[in-house]
Amino acid sequence: MSTPLKKVVDDQLDASGMAAEQLSIDDAQYVAEAVKNVLSNLKARRTWEKHLGPILTHKQTLDLTGWSKQALSQAVKDNRVLRLTANDGSVGYWSGGFTDTAPYRPILGIKNVLAAWAHSGVESWTTASWMSSAQPELDGRTPRQALLDGDTADVEKLAGQASGRLAS
């Protein structure tokens, strides 16, 4: 199911009770800039999702895993779940780090791989991109697929090498 963008905006305007408001020049510029930022963030999110797969909201991640907020927070701290922070400060979670079937759990072996990247100081988006990109050293598979295939040691070694190169 999809919803036209205009309907979403119109619904928000109606709900705010401000649909008929007349705006000063400053207010019109303020609203235009905010809408421009929202649309830019939406385009960026869609681009990332084409490469990474779905980016889950906090609620979606809790629903998917059945975890409490505290358990999700701990999983992020333990490098079992990859948190993605957008330019606007909003937070999402890389869906590719979870198994493909219920009960949805972090992929076996992902902890050491994410830890290698966490120590490199690169953005979590870089980590998610690397995990989602075919690697020649893994016979053209993505690191995610190699982990699912049970090749944990190979992915851990490659993660250490790749994150080390980017950190230097």
Protein backbone atom coordinates (compact mmCIF):
# COMPACT_ATOMS: atom_id res chain seq x y z
CA MET A 1 0.00 0.00 0.00
CA SER A 2 1.27 3.46 -0.78
CA THR A 3 0.10 6.97 -0.01
CA PRO A 4 0.67 10.04 -2.16
CA LEU A 5 3.10 12.51 -0.59
CA LYS A 6 0.63 15.35 -1.10
CA LYS A 7 -1.99 13.48 0.97
CA VAL A 8 0.47 13.06 3.85
CA VAL A 9 1.28 16.78 3.79
CA ASP A 10 -2.39 17.78 3.46
CA ASP A 11 -3.36 15.47 6.34
CA GLN A 12 -0.68 17.03 8.56
CA LEU A 13 -1.84 20.52 7.63
CA ASP A 14 -5.45 19.63 8.41
CA ALA A 15 -4.49 17.99 11.71
CA SER A 16 -2.50 21.05 12.75
CA GLY A 17 -5.40 23.39 12.08
CA MET A 18 -3.04 25.63 10.11
CA ALA A 19 -4.07 24.78 6.54
CA ALA A 20 -5.65 28.21 5.93
CA GLU A 21 -2.93 30.23 7.71
CA GLN A 22 -1.40 33.16 5.87
CA LEU A 23 2.37 33.17 6.30
CA SER A 24 4.72 36.10 6.54
CA ILE A 25 7.71 36.04 4.19
CA ASP A 26 9.93 34.81 7.03
CA ASP A 27 7.48 32.06 8.02
CA ALA A 28 7.07 30.99 4.37
CA GLN A 29 10.86 30.71 4.01
CA TYR A 30 11.05 28.78 7.29
CA VAL A 31 8.38 26.29 6.17
CA ALA A 32 9.87 25.98 2.67
CA GLU A 33 13.32 25.22 4.11
CA ALA A 34 11.88 22.63 6.51
CA VAL A 35 9.93 20.90 3.73
CA LYS A 36 13.03 20.97 1.52
CA ASN A 37 15.02 19.26 4.30
CA VAL A 38 12.34 16.61 4.84
CA LEU A 39 12.22 15.83 1.11
CA SER A 40 16.02 15.69 0.90
CA ASN A 41 16.11 13.27 3.85
CA LEU A 42 13.39 11.15 2.23
CA LYS A 43 15.39 10.95 -1.01
CA ALA A 44 18.54 10.00 0.92
CA ARG A 45 16.67 7.34 2.90
CA ARG A 46 15.26 5.82 -0.28
CA THR A 47 18.71 5.75 -1.90
CA TRP A 48 20.24 4.04 1.13
CA GLU A 49 17.38 1.54 1.36
CA LYS A 50 17.92 0.51 -2.26
CA HIS A 51 21.45 -0.54 -1.27
CA LEU A 52 21.05 -1.66 2.34
CA GLY A 53 17.51 -2.95 2.49
CA PRO A 54 14.92 -1.56 4.88
CA ILE A 55 16.02 0.83 7.59
CA LEU A 56 13.89 0.02 10.60
CA THR A 57 12.48 2.53 13.04
CA HIS A 58 12.93 2.00 16.76
CA LYS A 59 9.37 0.66 17.06
CA GLN A 60 9.75 -1.62 14.04
CA THR A 61 12.95 -3.07 15.52
CA LEU A 62 11.27 -3.67 18.88
CA ASP A 63 8.29 -5.30 17.14
CA LEU A 64 10.54 -7.43 14.91
CA THR A 65 12.67 -8.76 17.74
CA GLY A 66 10.19 -8.71 20.61
CA TRP A 67 12.84 -6.99 22.72
CA SER A 68 12.41 -4.27 25.31
CA LYS A 69 13.91 -0.81 24.75
CA GLN A 70 16.65 -1.72 27.19
CA ALA A 71 17.46 -4.95 25.36
CA LEU A 72 17.75 -3.09 22.04
CA SER A 73 19.96 -0.44 23.61
CA GLN A 74 22.20 -3.17 25.05
CA ALA A 75 22.35 -4.98 21.71
CA VAL A 76 23.61 -1.76 20.08
CA LYS A 77 26.22 -1.27 22.83
CA ASP A 78 27.30 -4.92 22.44
CA ASN A 79 27.73 -4.49 18.64
CA ARG A 80 24.98 -7.00 17.90
CA VAL A 81 22.74 -4.41 16.19
CA LEU A 82 23.82 -1.55 13.93
CA ARG A 83 22.22 1.82 14.67
CA LEU A 84 22.13 4.31 11.80
CA THR A 85 21.85 8.05 12.51
CA ALA A 86 20.62 10.34 9.75
CA ASN A 87 21.83 13.90 9.18
CA ASP A 88 18.72 15.21 10.90
CA GLY A 89 19.51 13.16 14.01
CA SER A 90 16.80 10.56 13.48
CA VAL A 91 17.77 6.99 14.27
CA GLY A 92 17.13 3.76 12.42
CA TYR A 93 18.46 0.23 12.51
CA TRP A 94 19.99 -1.81 9.70
CA SER A 95 17.56 -4.63 8.97
CA GLY A 96 20.26 -6.68 7.25
CA GLY A 97 21.86 -7.44 10.60
CA PHE A 98 18.96 -9.70 11.54
CA THR A 99 18.10 -13.21 10.45
CA ASP A 100 15.56 -13.48 7.63
CA THR A 101 12.99 -15.49 9.57
CA ALA A 102 11.30 -15.35 12.96
CA PRO A 103 12.44 -15.30 15.64
CA TYR A 104 14.47 -12.37 14.26
CA ARG A 105 17.84 -12.22 15.96
CA PRO A 106 21.22 -10.75 15.11
CA ILE A 107 23.04 -12.86 12.53
CA LEU A 108 25.43 -15.34 14.09
CA GLY A 109 28.93 -13.85 14.08
CA ILE A 110 27.90 -10.25 13.49
CA LYS A 111 29.10 -9.04 16.89
CA ASN A 112 32.83 -9.32 16.12
CA VAL A 113 32.35 -7.90 12.64
CA LEU A 114 30.48 -4.83 13.91
CA ALA A 115 33.03 -4.45 16.71
CA ALA A 116 35.87 -4.30 14.17
CA TRP A 117 34.08 -1.51 12.35
CA ALA A 118 33.13 0.31 15.57
CA HIS A 119 36.79 0.54 16.56
CA SER A 120 37.71 2.08 13.19
CA GLY A 121 35.72 5.23 13.86
CA VAL A 122 33.85 5.17 10.53
CA GLU A 123 30.17 6.04 10.30
CA SER A 124 27.72 3.20 10.80
CA TRP A 125 26.39 3.88 7.27
CA THR A 126 29.81 2.84 5.93
CA THR A 127 29.62 -0.38 7.91
CA ALA A 128 26.13 -1.17 6.64
CA SER A 129 27.22 -0.40 3.08
CA TRP A 130 30.24 -2.69 3.36
CA MET A 131 28.09 -5.46 4.85
CA SER A 132 25.70 -5.09 1.89
CA SER A 133 28.32 -4.95 -0.89
CA ALA A 134 29.70 -7.95 -2.75
CA GLN A 135 33.32 -8.61 -1.81
CA PRO A 136 35.73 -10.42 -4.15
CA GLU A 137 37.47 -12.01 -1.14
CA LEU A 138 34.15 -13.68 -0.28
CA ASP A 139 33.66 -15.10 -3.78
CA GLY A 140 31.43 -12.17 -4.73
CA ARG A 141 29.09 -12.58 -1.76
CA THR A 142 28.20 -9.80 0.63
CA PRO A 143 29.63 -10.09 4.13
CA ARG A 144 26.03 -10.45 5.34
CA GLN A 145 25.48 -13.46 3.06
CA ALA A 146 28.82 -14.96 4.04
CA LEU A 147 27.81 -14.74 7.71
CA LEU A 148 24.49 -16.40 6.92
CA ASP A 149 26.45 -19.10 5.08
CA GLY A 150 28.51 -19.70 8.23
CA ASP A 151 31.79 -18.21 7.01
CA THR A 152 32.21 -16.14 10.15
CA ALA A 153 36.01 -16.32 10.40
CA ASP A 154 36.45 -15.09 6.81
CA VAL A 155 34.11 -12.15 7.36
CA GLU A 156 35.72 -11.22 10.68
CA LYS A 157 39.18 -11.24 9.09
CA LEU A 158 38.02 -9.19 6.11
CA ALA A 159 36.20 -6.71 8.36
CA GLY A 160 39.36 -6.17 10.36
CA GLN A 161 41.37 -5.55 7.20
CA ALA A 162 38.81 -3.26 5.53
CA SER A 163 38.05 -1.22 8.65
CA GLY A 164 41.76 -0.91 9.36
CA ARG A 165 42.39 0.54 5.90
CA LEU A 166 39.61 3.10 6.33
CA ALA A 167 40.74 4.04 9.83
CA SER A 168 44.30 4.85 8.74
